[in-house]
C-alpha atoms as a PDB file:
ATOM      1  CA  MET A   1     127.687  90.301  65.420  1.00  0.00           C
ATOM      2  CA  LEU A   2     123.836  90.177  64.821  1.00  0.00           C
ATOM      3  CA  GLU A   3     124.233  92.605  62.419  1.00  0.00           C
ATOM      4  CA  ALA A   4     121.041  91.953  61.246  1.00  0.00           C
ATOM      5  CA  CYS A   5     118.940  92.851  64.517  1.00  0.00           C
ATOM      6  CA  LYS A   6     117.737  96.308  65.272  1.00  0.00           C
ATOM      7  CA  ILE A   7     118.492  98.393  68.378  1.00  0.00           C
ATOM      8  CA  SER A   8     115.707  99.540  70.262  1.00  0.00           C
ATOM      9  CA  GLY A   9     115.012 100.682  73.834  1.00  0.00           C
ATOM     10  CA  PHE A  10     112.859 102.072  76.951  1.00  0.00           C
ATOM     11  CA  ALA A  11     113.041 105.775  76.253  1.00  0.00           C
ATOM     12  CA  ASP A  12     111.030 106.640  79.196  1.00  0.00           C
ATOM     13  CA  GLU A  13     114.065 105.574  81.185  1.00  0.00           C
ATOM     14  CA  ILE A  14     116.112 108.423  79.453  1.00  0.00           C
ATOM     15  CA  ASP A  15     113.353 111.120  80.456  1.00  0.00           C
ATOM     16  CA  GLN A  16     109.736 111.808  80.756  1.00  0.00           C
ATOM     17  CA  ASN A  17     109.666 114.410  78.253  1.00  0.00           C
ATOM     18  CA  PHE A  18     109.194 112.492  74.674  1.00  0.00           C
ATOM     19  CA  ASP A  19     111.210 115.390  72.606  1.00  0.00           C
ATOM     20  CA  GLU A  20     114.130 114.691  74.704  1.00  0.00           C
ATOM     21  CA  GLN A  21     113.821 111.037  74.296  1.00  0.00           C
ATOM     22  CA  LEU A  22     113.465 111.256  70.758  1.00  0.00           C
ATOM     23  CA  ARG A  23     116.752 113.585  70.455  1.00  0.00           C
ATOM     24  CA  VAL A  24     118.951 111.747  72.529  1.00  0.00           C
ATOM     25  CA  LEU A  25     117.730 108.524  70.391  1.00  0.00           C
ATOM     26  CA  SER A  26     118.456 110.520  67.174  1.00  0.00           C
ATOM     27  CA  GLU A  27     121.969 111.214  68.664  1.00  0.00           C
ATOM     28  CA  LEU A  28     122.920 107.473  69.133  1.00  0.00           C
ATOM     29  CA  GLY A  29     121.594 106.726  65.434  1.00  0.00           C
ATOM     30  CA  GLN A  30     118.848 104.515  67.170  1.00  0.00           C
ATOM     31  CA  ASN A  31     116.026 104.179  64.861  1.00  0.00           C
ATOM     32  CA  TYR A  32     113.124 102.717  67.304  1.00  0.00           C
ATOM     33  CA  LEU A  33     111.834 102.612  70.556  1.00  0.00           C
ATOM     34  CA  GLU A  34     109.538 100.256  72.856  1.00  0.00           C
ATOM     35  CA  LEU A  35     106.941 102.677  73.827  1.00  0.00           C
ATOM     36  CA  ARG A  36     106.216 102.575  77.369  1.00  0.00           C
ATOM     37  CA  GLY A  37     105.739 105.913  78.617  1.00  0.00           C
ATOM     38  CA  ALA A  38     106.000 109.368  77.031  1.00  0.00           C
ATOM     39  CA  ASP A  39     105.400 112.920  78.749  1.00  0.00           C
ATOM     40  CA  GLY A  40     104.525 111.036  81.955  1.00  0.00           C
ATOM     41  CA  VAL A  41     101.996 109.111  80.436  1.00  0.00           C
ATOM     42  CA  GLY A  42     101.875 105.203  80.564  1.00  0.00           C
ATOM     43  CA  VAL A  43     101.269 103.739  77.395  1.00  0.00           C
ATOM     44  CA  ALA A  44      98.222 101.989  78.451  1.00  0.00           C
ATOM     45  CA  ASP A  45      96.593 105.219  79.549  1.00  0.00           C
ATOM     46  CA  LEU A  46      97.543 107.010  76.102  1.00  0.00           C
ATOM     47  CA  THR A  47      94.526 108.811  74.714  1.00  0.00           C
ATOM     48  CA  MET A  48      94.468 108.595  70.840  1.00  0.00           C
ATOM     49  CA  GLU A  49      94.885 112.087  70.287  1.00  0.00           C
ATOM     50  CA  LYS A  50      97.943 111.837  72.292  1.00  0.00           C
ATOM     51  CA  ALA A  51      98.824 108.959  70.444  1.00  0.00           C
ATOM     52  CA  ALA A  52      98.553 110.682  67.207  1.00  0.00           C
ATOM     53  CA  GLN A  53     100.649 113.541  68.631  1.00  0.00           C
ATOM     54  CA  LEU A  54     103.392 111.067  69.553  1.00  0.00           C
ATOM     55  CA  ARG A  55     103.348 109.344  66.228  1.00  0.00           C
ATOM     56  CA  GLY A  56     103.769 112.483  64.345  1.00  0.00           C
ATOM     57  CA  LYS A  57     106.580 113.488  66.221  1.00  0.00           C
ATOM     58  CA  MET A  58     108.314 109.992  65.523  1.00  0.00           C
ATOM     59  CA  ASP A  59     107.644 109.949  61.903  1.00  0.00           C
ATOM     60  CA  ALA A  60     109.481 113.651  61.953  1.00  0.00           C
ATOM     61  CA  ALA A  61     112.411 111.943  63.303  1.00  0.00           C
ATOM     62  CA  GLY A  62     112.217 108.607  61.604  1.00  0.00           C
ATOM     63  CA  ILE A  63     111.866 106.978  64.608  1.00  0.00           C
ATOM     64  CA  GLY A  64     109.483 103.723  64.816  1.00  0.00           C
ATOM     65  CA  VAL A  65     107.800 101.501  67.473  1.00  0.00           C
ATOM     66  CA  SER A  66     109.745  98.114  67.751  1.00  0.00           C
ATOM     67  CA  ALA A  67     106.850  96.798  70.463  1.00  0.00           C
ATOM     68  CA  ILE A  68     104.084  98.373  72.762  1.00  0.00           C
ATOM     69  CA  GLY A  69     105.855  97.834  76.160  1.00  0.00           C
ATOM     70  CA  SER A  70     102.579  97.138  77.768  1.00  0.00           C
ATOM     71  CA  PRO A  71     101.847  96.043  81.665  1.00  0.00           C
ATOM     72  CA  ILE A  72      99.205  93.650  80.349  1.00  0.00           C
ATOM     73  CA  GLY A  73      99.545  90.252  82.523  1.00  0.00           C
ATOM     74  CA  LYS A  74     101.182  92.480  85.377  1.00  0.00           C
ATOM     75  CA  ILE A  75      97.999  92.147  87.559  1.00  0.00           C
ATOM     76  CA  GLY A  76      97.387  89.296  90.134  1.00  0.00           C
ATOM     77  CA  VAL A  77      96.064  86.100  89.232  1.00  0.00           C
ATOM     78  CA  ARG A  78      92.922  86.208  90.942  1.00  0.00           C
ATOM     79  CA  ASP A  79      92.205  90.055  90.008  1.00  0.00           C
ATOM     80  CA  ASP A  80      89.462  90.883  88.075  1.00  0.00           C
ATOM     81  CA  PHE A  81      90.409  89.831  84.053  1.00  0.00           C
ATOM     82  CA  GLU A  82      87.238  91.367  82.155  1.00  0.00           C
ATOM     83  CA  SER A  83      88.500  95.171  83.013  1.00  0.00           C
ATOM     84  CA  HIS A  84      92.069  94.034  82.378  1.00  0.00           C
ATOM     85  CA  PHE A  85      90.658  92.690  79.159  1.00  0.00           C
ATOM     86  CA  GLY A  86      89.519  95.728  78.494  1.00  0.00           C
ATOM     87  CA  SER A  87      92.676  97.661  78.315  1.00  0.00           C
ATOM     88  CA  PHE A  88      94.153  94.333  76.514  1.00  0.00           C
ATOM     89  CA  ARG A  89      91.893  95.347  73.419  1.00  0.00           C
ATOM     90  CA  LYS A  90      93.114  99.248  73.699  1.00  0.00           C
ATOM     91  CA  ILE A  91      96.780  97.923  73.926  1.00  0.00           C
ATOM     92  CA  VAL A  92      95.894  96.187  70.443  1.00  0.00           C
ATOM     93  CA  GLU A  93      94.226  99.194  69.072  1.00  0.00           C
ATOM     94  CA  LEU A  94      97.758 100.971  69.767  1.00  0.00           C
ATOM     95  CA  ALA A  95     100.019  98.555  68.281  1.00  0.00           C
ATOM     96  CA  HIS A  96      97.874  98.947  65.185  1.00  0.00           C
ATOM     97  CA  PHE A  97      98.181 102.966  65.266  1.00  0.00           C
ATOM     98  CA  PHE A  98     102.008 102.766  66.330  1.00  0.00           C
ATOM     99  CA  ARG A  99     102.549 100.337  63.226  1.00  0.00           C
ATOM    100  CA  THR A 100     103.780  97.551  65.204  1.00  0.00           C
ATOM    101  CA  PRO A 101     102.760  93.779  65.336  1.00  0.00           C
ATOM    102  CA  TYR A 102     104.805  93.234  68.806  1.00  0.00           C
ATOM    103  CA  ILE A 103     103.011  93.733  72.257  1.00  0.00           C
ATOM    104  CA  ARG A 104     105.047  92.710  75.567  1.00  0.00           C
ATOM    105  CA  MET A 105     103.185  91.235  77.918  1.00  0.00           C
ATOM    106  CA  PHE A 106     103.256  89.046  81.284  1.00  0.00           C
ATOM    107  CA  SER A 107     101.361  86.090  82.753  1.00  0.00           C
ATOM    108  CA  PHE A 108     100.240  87.576  85.610  1.00  0.00           C
ATOM    109  CA  TYR A 109     101.332  87.751  89.333  1.00  0.00           C
ATOM    110  CA  ILE A 110     101.284  84.670  91.638  1.00  0.00           C
ATOM    111  CA  PRO A 111     100.126  85.091  95.640  1.00  0.00           C
ATOM    112  CA  GLU A 112     103.325  85.118  97.532  1.00  0.00           C
ATOM    113  CA  GLY A 113     104.160  81.622  98.888  1.00  0.00           C
ATOM    114  CA  GLU A 114     101.889  79.801  96.596  1.00  0.00           C
ATOM    115  CA  ASP A 115     103.313  77.115  94.234  1.00  0.00           C
ATOM    116  CA  PRO A 116     102.749  78.789  90.566  1.00  0.00           C
ATOM    117  CA  GLU A 117     101.563  75.628  89.422  1.00  0.00           C
ATOM    118  CA  THR A 118      98.314  75.600  91.255  1.00  0.00           C
ATOM    119  CA  CYS A 119      97.283  78.853  89.503  1.00  0.00           C
ATOM    120  CA  ARG A 120      98.368  77.357  86.004  1.00  0.00           C
ATOM    121  CA  GLU A 121      94.869  76.424  84.915  1.00  0.00           C
ATOM    122  CA  GLU A 122      93.833  80.479  85.737  1.00  0.00           C
ATOM    123  CA  VAL A 123      97.062  81.652  83.940  1.00  0.00           C
ATOM    124  CA  PHE A 124      96.586  79.499  80.660  1.00  0.00           C
ATOM    125  CA  SER A 125      92.873  80.122  80.301  1.00  0.00           C
ATOM    126  CA  ARG A 126      93.544  84.197  80.318  1.00  0.00           C
ATOM    127  CA  MET A 127      96.492  83.435  77.748  1.00  0.00           C
ATOM    128  CA  GLU A 128      94.017  81.352  75.551  1.00  0.00           C
ATOM    129  CA  ARG A 129      91.497  84.377  75.148  1.00  0.00           C
ATOM    130  CA  MET A 130      94.411  86.868  74.583  1.00  0.00           C
ATOM    131  CA  VAL A 131      95.884  85.031  72.216  1.00  0.00           C
ATOM    132  CA  ALA A 132      93.117  84.020  70.458  1.00  0.00           C
ATOM    133  CA  TYR A 133      92.330  87.876  70.233  1.00  0.00           C
ATOM    134  CA  ALA A 134      95.776  88.537  69.055  1.00  0.00           C
ATOM    135  CA  GLU A 135      95.125  85.804  66.039  1.00  0.00           C
ATOM    136  CA  ARG A 136      91.892  88.037  64.838  1.00  0.00           C
ATOM    137  CA  GLU A 137      94.115  91.077  65.537  1.00  0.00           C
ATOM    138  CA  ASN A 138      96.911  89.941  63.707  1.00  0.00           C
ATOM    139  CA  VAL A 139      99.331  90.861  66.437  1.00  0.00           C
ATOM    140  CA  ILE A 140     102.088  89.112  68.141  1.00  0.00           C
ATOM    141  CA  LEU A 141     102.119  88.762  71.934  1.00  0.00           C
ATOM    142  CA  LEU A 142     105.305  88.903  73.216  1.00  0.00           C
ATOM    143  CA  HIS A 143     105.939  87.293  76.988  1.00  0.00           C
ATOM    144  CA  GLU A 144     108.308  88.414  78.847  1.00  0.00           C
ATOM    145  CA  ASN A 145     110.004  86.365  82.091  1.00  0.00           C
ATOM    146  CA  GLU A 146     109.548  88.748  85.125  1.00  0.00           C
ATOM    147  CA  LYS A 147     110.080  88.169  88.941  1.00  0.00           C
ATOM    148  CA  GLY A 148     106.622  87.395  90.965  1.00  0.00           C
ATOM    149  CA  ILE A 149     104.530  86.305  87.954  1.00  0.00           C
ATOM    150  CA  TYR A 150     103.797  82.485  86.761  1.00  0.00           C
ATOM    151  CA  GLY A 151     106.424  82.832  83.978  1.00  0.00           C
ATOM    152  CA  ALA A 152     109.002  83.703  86.174  1.00  0.00           C
ATOM    153  CA  THR A 153     111.676  81.324  85.385  1.00  0.00           C
ATOM    154  CA  ALA A 154     112.572  78.907  82.399  1.00  0.00           C
ATOM    155  CA  GLU A 155     110.652  75.944  82.992  1.00  0.00           C
ATOM    156  CA  PRO A 156     107.119  77.672  83.362  1.00  0.00           C
ATOM    157  CA  CYS A 157     107.784  79.754  80.141  1.00  0.00           C
ATOM    158  CA  ARG A 158     108.271  76.558  78.591  1.00  0.00           C
ATOM    159  CA  LYS A 159     105.079  75.152  79.591  1.00  0.00           C
ATOM    160  CA  LEU A 160     103.316  78.639  78.193  1.00  0.00           C
ATOM    161  CA  PHE A 161     105.277  77.920  74.768  1.00  0.00           C
ATOM    162  CA  GLU A 162     104.519  74.477  74.405  1.00  0.00           C
ATOM    163  CA  ARG A 163     101.014  75.460  74.460  1.00  0.00           C
ATOM    164  CA  PHE A 164     100.413  78.708  73.116  1.00  0.00           C
ATOM    165  CA  TYR A 165     103.644  79.296  71.003  1.00  0.00           C
ATOM    166  CA  GLY A 166     103.040  80.216  67.242  1.00  0.00           C
ATOM    167  CA  GLU A 167     102.538  83.012  64.764  1.00  0.00           C
ATOM    168  CA  HIS A 168     101.000  85.234  67.944  1.00  0.00           C
ATOM    169  CA  PHE A 169     102.419  83.936  70.936  1.00  0.00           C
ATOM    170  CA  GLN A 170     106.361  84.523  71.062  1.00  0.00           C
ATOM    171  CA  GLY A 171     109.241  85.014  73.854  1.00  0.00           C
ATOM    172  CA  ILE A 172     111.074  87.953  75.237  1.00  0.00           C
ATOM    173  CA  PHE A 173     114.190  87.085  77.129  1.00  0.00           C
ATOM    174  CA  ASP A 174     115.079  89.155  79.830  1.00  0.00           C
ATOM    175  CA  PHE A 175     118.648  88.538  81.356  1.00  0.00           C
ATOM    176  CA  ALA A 176     118.264  90.539  84.829  1.00  0.00           C
ATOM    177  CA  ASN A 177     114.902  89.003  85.182  1.00  0.00           C
ATOM    178  CA  PHE A 178     116.393  85.572  85.481  1.00  0.00           C
ATOM    179  CA  ILE A 179     119.194  86.240  87.430  1.00  0.00           C
ATOM    180  CA  GLN A 180     117.173  88.320  89.921  1.00  0.00           C
ATOM    181  CA  CYS A 181     114.797  84.783  90.244  1.00  0.00           C
ATOM    182  CA  GLY A 182     118.168  82.619  90.862  1.00  0.00           C
ATOM    183  CA  GLN A 183     117.741  81.219  87.184  1.00  0.00           C
ATOM    184  CA  ASP A 184     121.181  80.556  85.351  1.00  0.00           C
ATOM    185  CA  THR A 185     120.559  82.474  81.648  1.00  0.00           C
ATOM    186  CA  LEU A 186     122.814  79.881  79.804  1.00  0.00           C
ATOM    187  CA  GLU A 187     120.539  77.177  80.934  1.00  0.00           C
ATOM    188  CA  ALA A 188     117.123  79.682  80.265  1.00  0.00           C
ATOM    189  CA  TYR A 189     118.448  79.999  77.100  1.00  0.00           C
ATOM    190  CA  LYS A 190     119.185  76.478  76.173  1.00  0.00           C
ATOM    191  CA  ILE A 191     115.414  75.731  77.450  1.00  0.00           C
ATOM    192  CA  LEU A 192     113.713  78.838  75.587  1.00  0.00           C
ATOM    193  CA  LYS A 193     115.833  79.450  72.369  1.00  0.00           C
ATOM    194  CA  PRO A 194     113.523  78.126  69.725  1.00  0.00           C
ATOM    195  CA  TYR A 195     110.795  80.638  71.323  1.00  0.00           C
ATOM    196  CA  ILE A 196     112.559  83.947  71.568  1.00  0.00           C
ATOM    197  CA  ARG A 197     111.718  86.598  69.472  1.00  0.00           C
ATOM    198  CA  TYR A 198     113.203  89.624  71.272  1.00  0.00           C
ATOM    199  CA  PHE A 199     115.616  90.597  73.784  1.00  0.00           C
ATOM    200  CA  HIS A 200     115.684  93.181  76.857  1.00  0.00           C
ATOM    201  CA  VAL A 201     119.081  94.088  77.374  1.00  0.00           C
ATOM    202  CA  LYS A 202     119.284  94.101  80.957  1.00  0.00           C
ATOM    203  CA  ASP A 203     122.018  92.541  83.087  1.00  0.00           C
ATOM    204  CA  ALA A 204     122.533  92.184  86.630  1.00  0.00           C
ATOM    205  CA  LEU A 205     124.431  90.571  89.528  1.00  0.00           C
ATOM    206  CA  ARG A 206     123.701  87.182  91.025  1.00  0.00           C
ATOM    207  CA  LYS A 207     124.943  88.069  94.424  1.00  0.00           C
ATOM    208  CA  ASN A 208     122.464  90.709  95.312  1.00  0.00           C
ATOM    209  CA  GLY A 209     120.599  91.324  91.890  1.00  0.00           C
ATOM    210  CA  GLU A 210     121.681  94.895  91.448  1.00  0.00           C
ATOM    211  CA  VAL A 211     121.123  95.831  87.751  1.00  0.00           C
ATOM    212  CA  VAL A 212     124.496  96.733  85.933  1.00  0.00           C
ATOM    213  CA  LEU A 213     125.391  97.978  82.343  1.00  0.00           C
ATOM    214  CA  PRO A 214     125.248  95.167  79.919  1.00  0.00           C
ATOM    215  CA  GLY A 215     128.122  92.980  79.934  1.00  0.00           C
ATOM    216  CA  GLN A 216     129.157  93.414  83.661  1.00  0.00           C
ATOM    217  CA  GLY A 217     126.928  91.311  85.385  1.00  0.00           C
ATOM    218  CA  ASP A 218     126.155  87.598  85.102  1.00  0.00           C
ATOM    219  CA  GLY A 219     123.811  87.235  82.256  1.00  0.00           C
ATOM    220  CA  ASN A 220     126.340  86.096  79.942  1.00  0.00           C
ATOM    221  CA  LEU A 221     125.062  88.259  77.196  1.00  0.00           C
ATOM    222  CA  LYS A 222     127.779  87.769  75.032  1.00  0.00           C
ATOM    223  CA  GLU A 223     127.739  84.197  75.017  1.00  0.00           C
ATOM    224  CA  ILE A 224     124.084  84.198  74.299  1.00  0.00           C
ATOM    225  CA  PHE A 225     124.385  86.610  71.640  1.00  0.00           C
ATOM    226  CA  HIS A 226     126.733  84.861  70.107  1.00  0.00           C
ATOM    227  CA  ARG A 227     124.569  81.698  70.312  1.00  0.00           C
ATOM    228  CA  ALA A 228     121.460  83.813  68.937  1.00  0.00           C
ATOM    229  CA  ALA A 229     123.764  85.029  66.056  1.00  0.00           C
ATOM    230  CA  GLU A 230     124.703  81.274  65.061  1.00  0.00           C
ATOM    231  CA  SER A 231     121.271  80.292  64.721  1.00  0.00           C
ATOM    232  CA  GLY A 232     120.328  83.200  62.533  1.00  0.00           C
ATOM    233  CA  PHE A 233     118.215  85.634  65.315  1.00  0.00           C
ATOM    234  CA  GLU A 234     117.139  88.729  63.397  1.00  0.00           C
ATOM    235  CA  GLY A 235     114.582  90.247  65.958  1.00  0.00           C
ATOM    236  CA  PHE A 236     115.300  93.459  68.102  1.00  0.00           C
ATOM    237  CA  LEU A 237     117.734  93.943  70.965  1.00  0.00           C
ATOM    238  CA  SER A 238     115.606  96.540  73.407  1.00  0.00           C
ATOM    239  CA  LEU A 239     117.513  98.529  75.968  1.00  0.00           C
ATOM    240  CA  GLU A 240     116.245  98.719  79.184  1.00  0.00           C
ATOM    241  CA  PRO A 241     119.317 100.214  81.500  1.00  0.00           C
ATOM    242  CA  HIS A 242     117.187 100.232  85.066  1.00  0.00           C
ATOM    243  CA  LEU A 243     120.022 102.011  86.296  1.00  0.00           C
ATOM    244  CA  PHE A 244     119.022 105.139  87.763  1.00  0.00           C
ATOM    245  CA  HIS A 245     115.362 105.953  89.362  1.00  0.00           C
ATOM    246  CA  PHE A 246     112.914 107.185  86.569  1.00  0.00           C
ATOM    247  CA  GLN A 247     109.430 108.280  86.938  1.00  0.00           C
ATOM    248  CA  GLY A 248     107.029 105.170  87.227  1.00  0.00           C
ATOM    249  CA  PHE A 249     109.988 102.984  87.904  1.00  0.00           C
ATOM    250  CA  ASP A 250     108.525 101.968  91.290  1.00  0.00           C
ATOM    251  CA  GLN A 251     105.275 101.250  89.677  1.00  0.00           C
ATOM    252  CA  LEU A 252     107.089  98.590  87.444  1.00  0.00           C
ATOM    253  CA  GLU A 253     109.377  96.891  89.903  1.00  0.00           C
ATOM    254  CA  LYS A 254     107.642  94.759  93.015  1.00  0.00           C
ATOM    255  CA  ASP A 255     110.767  95.058  94.663  1.00  0.00           C
ATOM    256  CA  PRO A 256     112.793  98.062  93.037  1.00  0.00           C
ATOM    257  CA  GLY A 257     115.620  97.843  95.852  1.00  0.00           C
ATOM    258  CA  ARG A 258     118.185 100.835  95.906  1.00  0.00           C
ATOM    259  CA  LYS A 259     118.572 102.843  92.720  1.00  0.00           C
ATOM    260  CA  LYS A 260     121.049 105.840  92.661  1.00  0.00           C
ATOM    261  CA  GLU A 261     119.235 109.088  91.383  1.00  0.00           C
ATOM    262  CA  GLY A 262     120.944 110.447  88.246  1.00  0.00           C
ATOM    263  CA  SER A 263     120.451 111.165  84.749  1.00  0.00           C
ATOM    264  CA  GLY A 264     118.554 108.829  82.807  1.00  0.00           C
ATOM    265  CA  ALA A 265     119.984 109.901  79.409  1.00  0.00           C
ATOM    266  CA  MET A 266     123.183 109.429  80.827  1.00  0.00           C
ATOM    267  CA  ALA A 267     122.379 105.867  82.048  1.00  0.00           C
ATOM    268  CA  PHE A 268     120.981 105.154  78.496  1.00  0.00           C
ATOM    269  CA  ARG A 269     123.718 106.410  76.850  1.00  0.00           C
ATOM    270  CA  ALA A 270     126.300 104.043  78.723  1.00  0.00           C
ATOM    271  CA  ALA A 271     123.693 100.973  78.208  1.00  0.00           C
ATOM    272  CA  HIS A 272     123.898 101.661  74.475  1.00  0.00           C
ATOM    273  CA  GLU A 273     127.640 101.902  74.269  1.00  0.00           C
ATOM    274  CA  SER A 274     127.944  98.714  76.272  1.00  0.00           C
ATOM    275  CA  LEU A 275     125.548  96.885  74.218  1.00  0.00           C
ATOM    276  CA  MET A 276     127.393  98.157  71.034  1.00  0.00           C
ATOM    277  CA  GLY A 277     130.835  97.025  72.640  1.00  0.00           C
ATOM    278  CA  LEU A 278     129.203  93.339  73.373  1.00  0.00           C
ATOM    279  CA  LEU A 279     128.265  93.237  69.915  1.00  0.00           C
ATOM    280  CA  ALA A 280     131.524  94.302  67.853  1.00  0.00           C
END
């Protein structure tokens, strides 16, 4: 199933050390990573000198970048956008440097307790600027559903795609994030299927939101992969285990909950094995 798809993953969950990330990926026969952090440095903070060092190591290992796992759009909808847009331009430059068209991004945190639709005009105004820049620079923005942002559940994601979907704005489907927002993944996939270009492979339990191995939660991964295969999906499947604490985890999750301390490499290998089992 999904034989034409390529497997990627957030290798910073293996280890902060980039050499160790590449070693484990090579052992697994994985030829791509989603670049979010390396040697303890987040992708948005990479210097071009450091980026060149990382790309040299990846070239030597035969590993490419599936997407820039950027934090773009992970600020409050009323936070300063001009400085954030400057960070966005740098991320676009890094995407070109790492030879990937894809940039993962988000649709801005909504103030707690506020109806997201009250912020829709501001969200769309910011998106319009970023999509126009992406078109000019010939990159593809991949919007990820995420807890607390405008596009947290399927319906606001659909509104974003109805307005912006095209060659330079497409979708990431994150199973666990939908579950943690109380969204049924089969319903979400039915709504968003035409727009999805990329999957984040991360499962969770509906009862408490705990992230578990792919296929062991309520994400309906196998059924959705089957439906994607039937429709001819050929994009990336990117592992995001989220099973243990790793450097920077608390900055990625607004409500990280309880996480076990343990080996990131072990968790990544287990998630990879589970994904291979689902695809078999």
